[in-house]
């Protein structure tokens, strides 16, 4: 702040500190943007918003995604609470992915 200026509550400068600095690597807002700005994440969440899918069904529906990228993206989405992974003890093992309520809320504006 320059000498001779005052800080007013609700000003852009005061609000930025309260909300965080999106330019900082550890800002929660930036972490959210990093997660949802990824094109694969958006496509996966849109498909899971329609219905639950198995891994290979997702891979067949999303053209151009590699097996490695799909696995990494699903792991990240599950870690962030946007996707749920259900494992059934069958032969072979059946793994189904579905969107969580948090993921559904996040994708609501995109699915309109």
Protein backbone atom coordinates (compact mmCIF):
# COMPACT_ATOMS: atom_id res chain seq x y z
CA UNK A 1 0.00 0.00 0.00
CA UNK A 2 1.30 3.45 -0.86
CA UNK A 3 1.95 6.05 1.77
CA UNK A 4 -1.07 8.26 2.34
CA UNK A 5 -3.66 5.64 1.31
CA UNK A 6 -6.07 3.87 3.60
CA UNK A 7 -7.42 0.34 3.55
CA UNK A 8 -11.21 0.12 3.26
CA UNK A 9 -13.05 -3.07 4.23
CA UNK A 10 -14.48 -4.71 1.13
CA UNK A 11 -11.96 -3.12 -1.20
CA UNK A 12 -10.28 -5.32 -3.77
CA UNK A 13 -7.05 -5.30 -1.77
CA UNK A 14 -8.72 -6.30 1.50
CA UNK A 15 -10.91 -8.92 -0.16
CA UNK A 16 -8.02 -10.61 -1.99
CA UNK A 17 -6.31 -11.40 1.31
CA UNK A 18 -9.49 -12.85 2.82
CA UNK A 19 -10.20 -15.06 -0.19
CA UNK A 20 -6.65 -16.14 -0.89
CA UNK A 21 -4.19 -15.44 -3.62
CA UNK A 22 -5.04 -17.42 -6.77
CA UNK A 23 -1.50 -16.83 -7.99
CA UNK A 24 -0.06 -18.77 -5.03
CA UNK A 25 0.49 -22.49 -5.67
CA UNK A 26 -1.13 -23.52 -2.36
CA UNK A 27 -4.32 -21.45 -2.80
CA UNK A 28 -7.46 -23.65 -2.49
CA UNK A 29 -9.15 -21.81 -5.35
CA UNK A 30 -6.20 -22.46 -7.63
CA UNK A 31 -6.18 -26.14 -6.67
CA UNK A 32 -9.87 -26.36 -7.61
CA UNK A 33 -9.24 -24.62 -10.93
CA UNK A 34 -6.34 -26.97 -11.67
CA UNK A 35 -8.62 -29.96 -11.10
CA UNK A 36 -11.67 -28.84 -13.08
CA UNK A 37 -9.82 -27.03 -15.87
CA UNK A 38 -8.31 -30.33 -17.03
CA UNK A 39 -10.18 -31.43 -20.16
CA UNK A 40 -10.16 -35.11 -19.19
CA UNK A 41 -11.67 -34.40 -15.77
CA UNK A 42 -14.55 -32.48 -17.30
CA UNK A 43 -15.27 -35.20 -19.87
CA UNK A 44 -15.14 -37.96 -17.25
CA UNK A 45 -17.42 -36.06 -14.87
CA UNK A 46 -19.91 -35.34 -17.66
CA UNK A 47 -20.09 -39.04 -18.57
CA UNK A 48 -20.39 -40.15 -14.94
CA UNK A 49 -23.12 -37.56 -14.49
CA UNK A 50 -25.20 -39.53 -17.00
CA UNK A 51 -24.63 -42.93 -15.35
CA UNK A 52 -21.98 -45.01 -13.64
CA UNK A 53 -19.35 -46.60 -15.88
CA UNK A 54 -16.62 -49.18 -15.75
CA UNK A 55 -13.05 -48.23 -16.66
CA UNK A 56 -13.04 -49.66 -20.19
CA UNK A 57 -16.46 -48.18 -20.95
CA UNK A 58 -15.06 -44.74 -20.08
CA UNK A 59 -12.00 -45.39 -22.22
CA UNK A 60 -14.15 -46.38 -25.20
CA UNK A 61 -16.43 -43.34 -24.84
CA UNK A 62 -13.64 -40.75 -24.48
CA UNK A 63 -11.69 -40.83 -27.73
CA UNK A 64 -8.02 -39.92 -27.47
CA UNK A 65 -7.49 -40.63 -23.76
CA UNK A 66 -4.78 -43.13 -22.91
CA UNK A 67 -5.21 -45.85 -20.31
CA UNK A 68 -2.55 -44.19 -18.14
CA UNK A 69 -4.18 -40.75 -18.32
CA UNK A 70 -7.63 -42.16 -17.56
CA UNK A 71 -6.29 -44.03 -14.53
CA UNK A 72 -4.42 -40.95 -13.24
CA UNK A 73 -7.41 -38.67 -13.74
CA UNK A 74 -9.83 -41.09 -12.06
CA UNK A 75 -7.44 -41.45 -9.09
CA UNK A 76 -7.24 -37.68 -8.74
CA UNK A 77 -11.00 -37.22 -8.99
CA UNK A 78 -11.53 -39.96 -6.40
CA UNK A 79 -8.93 -38.40 -4.08
CA UNK A 80 -10.71 -35.04 -4.38
CA UNK A 81 -14.09 -36.58 -3.58
CA UNK A 82 -15.65 -35.97 -6.99
CA UNK A 83 -15.79 -39.63 -8.09
CA UNK A 84 -16.61 -42.78 -6.12
CA UNK A 85 -14.99 -46.14 -6.93
CA UNK A 86 -16.94 -49.32 -6.14
CA UNK A 87 -15.17 -52.69 -6.24
CA UNK A 88 -17.15 -55.93 -6.49
CA UNK A 89 -15.47 -59.24 -5.65
CA UNK A 90 -16.19 -61.12 -8.86
CA UNK A 91 -13.93 -63.00 -11.25
CA UNK A 92 -12.55 -60.84 -12.76
CA UNK A 93 -12.94 -57.99 -10.28
CA UNK A 94 -15.60 -55.45 -11.31
CA UNK A 95 -14.77 -51.80 -10.67
CA UNK A 96 -17.44 -49.18 -11.27
CA UNK A 97 -17.03 -45.42 -11.14
CA UNK A 98 -19.80 -42.98 -10.29
CA UNK A 99 -20.07 -39.28 -9.63
CA UNK A 100 -20.46 -38.14 -6.03
CA UNK A 101 -22.93 -35.46 -4.88
CA UNK A 102 -19.99 -33.03 -4.69
CA UNK A 103 -19.03 -33.85 -8.28
CA UNK A 104 -22.65 -33.48 -9.40
CA UNK A 105 -22.88 -30.04 -7.75
CA UNK A 106 -19.63 -29.00 -9.41
CA UNK A 107 -20.79 -30.12 -12.85
CA UNK A 108 -24.34 -28.73 -12.64
CA UNK A 109 -23.51 -25.51 -14.55
CA UNK A 110 -21.58 -27.44 -17.25
CA UNK A 111 -24.39 -29.91 -17.93
CA UNK A 112 -27.01 -27.25 -18.71
